[in-house]
Each structure stands twice: as C-alpha cells, then as structure tokens.
Amino acid sequence: MAESEVNDLRALKRGSAEAFERLYDRYAGKVYNFVLGLSGGDSYMAGEMVQTTFIRLWETRDRIDTDKSLISYLTTIAKNSLFNHYKRQTVEYLYRETMLRDEVMHDAATEEEIEMISLQRSLYEMIDRLPPGRKRIFLMSRKEELTTREIAEKLGVSVSTVETQLSLAVKFLRSELGKHRDKLLLLAAWLVNIL
C-alpha cells in the first residue's frame, strides 16, 4: 500500500474530510466498475452503491485497519450493500405479491359470500312459495331436524301425510333449483349445512 494512501487512511480515521475526498477520487471509479459487473451492467445501481459504500466508509472510519487493502474493504462493503439491496427488493416484491394475492382472494371470497347470500335468499323465497302446511312440515324436518314421526305427532297428522308433504316440497324445490343450474353447486354446499 502506498505511503500516501496510508497517510490518507490515518487522516480519515481522525475525521479528515480532505483525506476522505482524496480516497473517494482514487477509488470511486473502481468501486463503480466492480458494482457494474456484479449488477449486470446497471449503471444506476452502480452509482447508488458507490454512494452507499463511501457513506459506510465515513461512518466506520474509526475502525479502518490501515495495514489492510482499502479496495478490498470498499468492494466488500459494496458487494454486501448490493446484496442487501437485492434482498430488500425481493422481500418487498414477495410482500407485495402476497398482499395482492390476499386481496384477490378476499375479493373472491367476498363475491362468493354475496353469491351465497343471494342463493340463500332465493332458496327462502322458494320455500315461502310452498303452501303453508307443506312449508311448516318442511321447515320442521330440515331446520328443527325432527323425524317424520315427531312431526306427525306434533301436528296430529299421519306419518304418511308428513312423508307425502315432504316429498312434494322437495320435488318443488328441485324443480325450482333446476332453473338455476349454474348456481346449484354453491347452493348444494350451503344446503348441506342447513337442510
């Protein structure tokens, strides 16, 4: 290492701005070319990393070993700064992608929820169109989960009457649901939960 460089490093350790400028003038081009090679020819990135490297040199000037090569120290700082920059970019990219995917999934879930509410409303409207007695038997069977015998006992009718009314209700609902084939699978999943 040249005597002038050692003197500049010692002066830099003491906080000399003039020594820092001389070292910058001497090594900025070398650091730039080094980063340019690492970054695949990205001149903007090379310029940014030169600035970052020399800022870091100034911040750590009191720890500089005047017996070691300054260019090795500078290229190590530049390389680590570049890799950290790329790592941050990757993390930010992955974060944005995750947020975007979650937003899309949330929007899709919201659309499904709206569709399910619409389907539920349609089903309730279909059930409301059943004759009152049939509707009551159907709801006792599906919502209250009563057996045909329990329904017959509560209403004072025969089990056969309950079975006939349930059969007619299901037949009517199937017919109505057939008009909405495209939505039938979603509705079927919901029906499993309430019917």
Protein backbone atom coordinates (compact mmCIF):
# COMPACT_ATOMS: atom_id res chain seq x y z
CA MET A 1 0.00 0.00 0.00
CA ALA A 2 1.38 3.42 -0.96
CA GLU A 3 2.53 5.81 1.77
CA SER A 4 0.08 8.48 0.62
CA GLU A 5 -2.82 6.02 0.98
CA VAL A 6 -1.71 5.04 4.50
CA ASN A 7 -1.48 8.72 5.42
CA ASP A 8 -4.95 9.37 3.97
CA LEU A 9 -6.37 6.41 5.92
CA ARG A 10 -4.84 7.68 9.17
CA ALA A 11 -6.20 11.16 8.48
CA LEU A 12 -9.60 9.68 7.63
CA LYS A 13 -9.63 7.83 10.96
CA ARG A 14 -9.14 11.23 12.63
CA GLY A 15 -12.11 12.62 10.65
CA SER A 16 -10.36 14.45 7.82
CA ALA A 17 -12.85 15.36 5.08
CA GLU A 18 -9.97 16.19 2.73
CA ALA A 19 -8.50 12.69 3.12
CA PHE A 20 -11.96 11.24 2.52
CA GLU A 21 -12.29 13.24 -0.73
CA ARG A 22 -8.89 12.04 -1.94
CA LEU A 23 -9.82 8.40 -1.22
CA TYR A 24 -13.17 8.91 -2.93
CA ASP A 25 -11.49 10.36 -6.03
CA ARG A 26 -8.99 7.50 -6.05
CA TYR A 27 -11.45 4.59 -5.57
CA ALA A 28 -14.95 5.65 -6.64
CA GLY A 29 -14.35 4.59 -10.26
CA LYS A 30 -13.02 1.18 -9.20
CA VAL A 31 -15.99 0.57 -6.89
CA TYR A 32 -18.34 1.74 -9.65
CA ASN A 33 -16.88 -0.73 -12.17
CA PHE A 34 -16.92 -3.52 -9.58
CA VAL A 35 -20.63 -2.99 -8.83
CA LEU A 36 -21.40 -2.51 -12.51
CA GLY A 37 -20.08 -6.02 -13.11
CA LEU A 38 -22.00 -7.50 -10.18
CA SER A 39 -25.26 -5.79 -11.11
CA GLY A 40 -25.26 -6.94 -14.71
CA GLY A 41 -24.44 -3.50 -16.12
CA ASP A 42 -26.95 -1.49 -14.06
CA SER A 43 -25.27 1.93 -14.08
CA TYR A 44 -27.88 3.49 -11.79
CA MET A 45 -27.34 0.75 -9.20
CA ALA A 46 -23.56 1.08 -9.54
CA GLY A 47 -23.80 4.81 -8.82
CA GLU A 48 -26.08 4.22 -5.84
CA MET A 49 -23.77 1.59 -4.39
CA VAL A 50 -20.72 3.86 -4.76
CA GLN A 51 -22.54 6.45 -2.65
CA THR A 52 -23.63 3.83 -0.10
CA THR A 53 -20.11 2.39 0.08
CA PHE A 54 -18.44 5.71 0.75
CA ILE A 55 -21.07 6.76 3.26
CA ARG A 56 -20.41 3.49 5.07
CA LEU A 57 -16.65 4.13 4.86
CA TRP A 58 -17.14 7.51 6.53
CA GLU A 59 -19.42 6.04 9.21
CA THR A 60 -16.91 3.28 10.06
CA ARG A 61 -13.74 5.32 9.58
CA ASP A 62 -12.61 4.79 13.19
CA ARG A 63 -12.49 1.00 12.63
CA ILE A 64 -10.40 1.03 9.45
CA ASP A 65 -7.30 -1.15 9.59
CA THR A 66 -4.56 0.90 7.95
CA ASP A 67 -2.50 -2.26 7.38
CA LYS A 68 -5.11 -3.83 5.08
CA SER A 69 -6.08 -3.06 1.49
CA LEU A 70 -8.69 -0.32 1.27
CA ILE A 71 -10.00 -1.51 -2.11
CA SER A 72 -10.78 -4.94 -0.59
CA TYR A 73 -12.63 -3.23 2.25
CA LEU A 74 -14.56 -0.99 -0.19
CA THR A 75 -15.53 -3.82 -2.55
CA THR A 76 -16.71 -5.91 0.41
CA ILE A 77 -18.92 -3.02 1.56
CA ALA A 78 -20.19 -2.50 -2.00
CA LYS A 79 -20.93 -6.20 -2.54
CA ASN A 80 -22.75 -6.55 0.80
CA SER A 81 -24.72 -3.34 0.19
CA LEU A 82 -25.76 -4.55 -3.26
CA PHE A 83 -26.82 -7.96 -1.96
CA ASN A 84 -28.74 -6.35 0.90
CA HIS A 85 -30.46 -4.07 -1.61
CA TYR A 86 -31.46 -7.05 -3.76
CA LYS A 87 -32.61 -8.95 -0.69
CA ARG A 88 -34.81 -6.00 0.38
CA GLN A 89 -36.21 -5.75 -3.13
CA THR A 90 -37.02 -9.47 -3.10
CA VAL A 91 -38.71 -9.24 0.30
CA GLU A 92 -40.69 -6.17 -0.81
CA TYR A 93 -41.70 -7.92 -4.04
CA LEU A 94 -42.81 -11.04 -2.19
CA TYR A 95 -44.70 -8.90 0.32
CA ARG A 96 -46.50 -7.01 -2.47
CA GLU A 97 -47.29 -10.26 -4.26
CA THR A 98 -48.65 -11.78 -1.05
CA MET A 99 -50.75 -8.69 -0.33
CA LEU A 100 -52.08 -8.67 -3.90
CA ARG A 101 -52.88 -12.38 -3.78
CA ASP A 102 -54.61 -11.98 -0.40
CA GLU A 103 -56.59 -9.02 -1.75
CA VAL A 104 -57.68 -11.01 -4.79
CA MET A 105 -58.59 -13.98 -2.60
CA HIS A 106 -60.50 -11.66 -0.25
CA ASP A 107 -62.34 -10.13 -3.21
CA ALA A 108 -63.17 -13.62 -4.50
CA ALA A 109 -64.36 -14.66 -1.03
CA THR A 110 -66.48 -11.52 -0.82
CA GLU A 111 -68.02 -12.29 -4.21
CA GLU A 112 -68.74 -15.85 -3.05
CA GLU A 113 -70.33 -14.54 0.14
CA ILE A 114 -72.53 -12.17 -1.86
CA GLU A 115 -73.46 -15.03 -4.19
CA MET A 116 -74.27 -17.27 -1.21
CA ILE A 117 -76.48 -14.59 0.34
CA SER A 118 -78.28 -14.24 -2.97
CA LEU A 119 -78.71 -18.00 -3.23
CA GLN A 120 -79.94 -18.24 0.34
CA ARG A 121 -82.46 -15.50 -0.36
CA SER A 122 -83.61 -17.38 -3.48
CA LEU A 123 -83.98 -20.60 -1.50
CA TYR A 124 -86.02 -18.89 1.22
CA GLU A 125 -88.21 -17.31 -1.45
CA MET A 126 -88.78 -20.79 -2.94
CA ILE A 127 -89.63 -22.20 0.48
CA ASP A 128 -92.01 -19.27 1.09
CA ARG A 129 -93.89 -20.22 -2.09
CA LEU A 130 -94.77 -23.62 -0.63
CA PRO A 131 -98.33 -23.99 0.67
CA PRO A 132 -98.36 -23.05 4.41
CA GLY A 133 -98.85 -26.59 5.76
CA ARG A 134 -96.18 -28.07 3.46
CA LYS A 135 -93.80 -25.24 4.32
CA ARG A 136 -94.28 -25.85 8.04
CA ILE A 137 -93.61 -29.59 7.68
CA PHE A 138 -90.55 -28.94 5.50
CA LEU A 139 -89.04 -26.46 7.99
CA MET A 140 -89.75 -28.76 10.94
CA SER A 141 -87.92 -31.52 9.10
CA ARG A 142 -84.95 -29.51 7.85
CA LYS A 143 -84.46 -26.69 10.34
CA GLU A 144 -85.70 -28.29 13.53
CA GLU A 145 -84.38 -31.70 12.42
CA LEU A 146 -87.49 -33.55 13.58
CA THR A 147 -88.27 -37.03 12.29
CA THR A 148 -91.43 -37.69 10.28
CA ARG A 149 -92.93 -39.43 13.33
CA GLU A 150 -92.16 -36.41 15.59
CA ILE A 151 -93.69 -34.02 13.05
CA ALA A 152 -96.78 -36.22 12.71
CA GLU A 153 -97.23 -36.30 16.49
CA LYS A 154 -96.78 -32.52 16.87
CA LEU A 155 -99.22 -31.71 14.07
CA GLY A 156 -101.68 -34.52 14.79
CA VAL A 157 -101.42 -35.98 11.28
CA SER A 158 -100.30 -39.35 9.97
CA VAL A 159 -96.67 -40.18 9.18
CA SER A 160 -97.80 -40.87 5.62
CA THR A 161 -99.15 -37.31 5.30
CA VAL A 162 -95.84 -35.88 6.55
CA GLU A 163 -93.87 -38.04 4.09
CA THR A 164 -96.12 -37.00 1.19
CA GLN A 165 -95.83 -33.30 2.06
CA LEU A 166 -92.03 -33.56 2.39
CA SER A 167 -91.81 -35.38 -0.92
CA LEU A 168 -93.90 -32.69 -2.65
CA ALA A 169 -91.83 -29.90 -1.05
CA VAL A 170 -88.54 -31.47 -2.16
CA LYS A 171 -89.92 -32.09 -5.66
CA PHE A 172 -90.97 -28.42 -5.94
CA LEU A 173 -87.60 -27.16 -4.66
CA ARG A 174 -85.68 -29.44 -7.04
CA SER A 175 -87.75 -28.13 -9.92
CA GLU A 176 -87.04 -24.53 -8.93
CA LEU A 177 -83.36 -25.22 -8.33
CA GLY A 178 -83.10 -26.80 -11.76
CA LYS A 179 -83.75 -23.35 -13.21
CA HIS A 180 -80.54 -22.17 -11.55
CA ARG A 181 -78.16 -24.98 -12.59
CA ASP A 182 -75.13 -22.71 -12.74
CA LYS A 183 -75.59 -21.81 -9.08
CA LEU A 184 -76.71 -25.24 -7.96
CA LEU A 185 -73.33 -26.47 -6.72
CA LEU A 186 -72.80 -23.47 -4.48
CA LEU A 187 -76.30 -23.77 -3.18
CA ALA A 188 -75.90 -27.51 -2.63
CA ALA A 189 -72.91 -26.88 -0.40
CA TRP A 190 -74.93 -24.39 1.60
CA LEU A 191 -77.97 -26.67 1.73
CA VAL A 192 -75.92 -29.45 3.27
CA ASN A 193 -75.34 -27.13 6.21
CA ILE A 194 -78.95 -26.03 6.80
CA LEU A 195 -81.17 -28.74 5.34
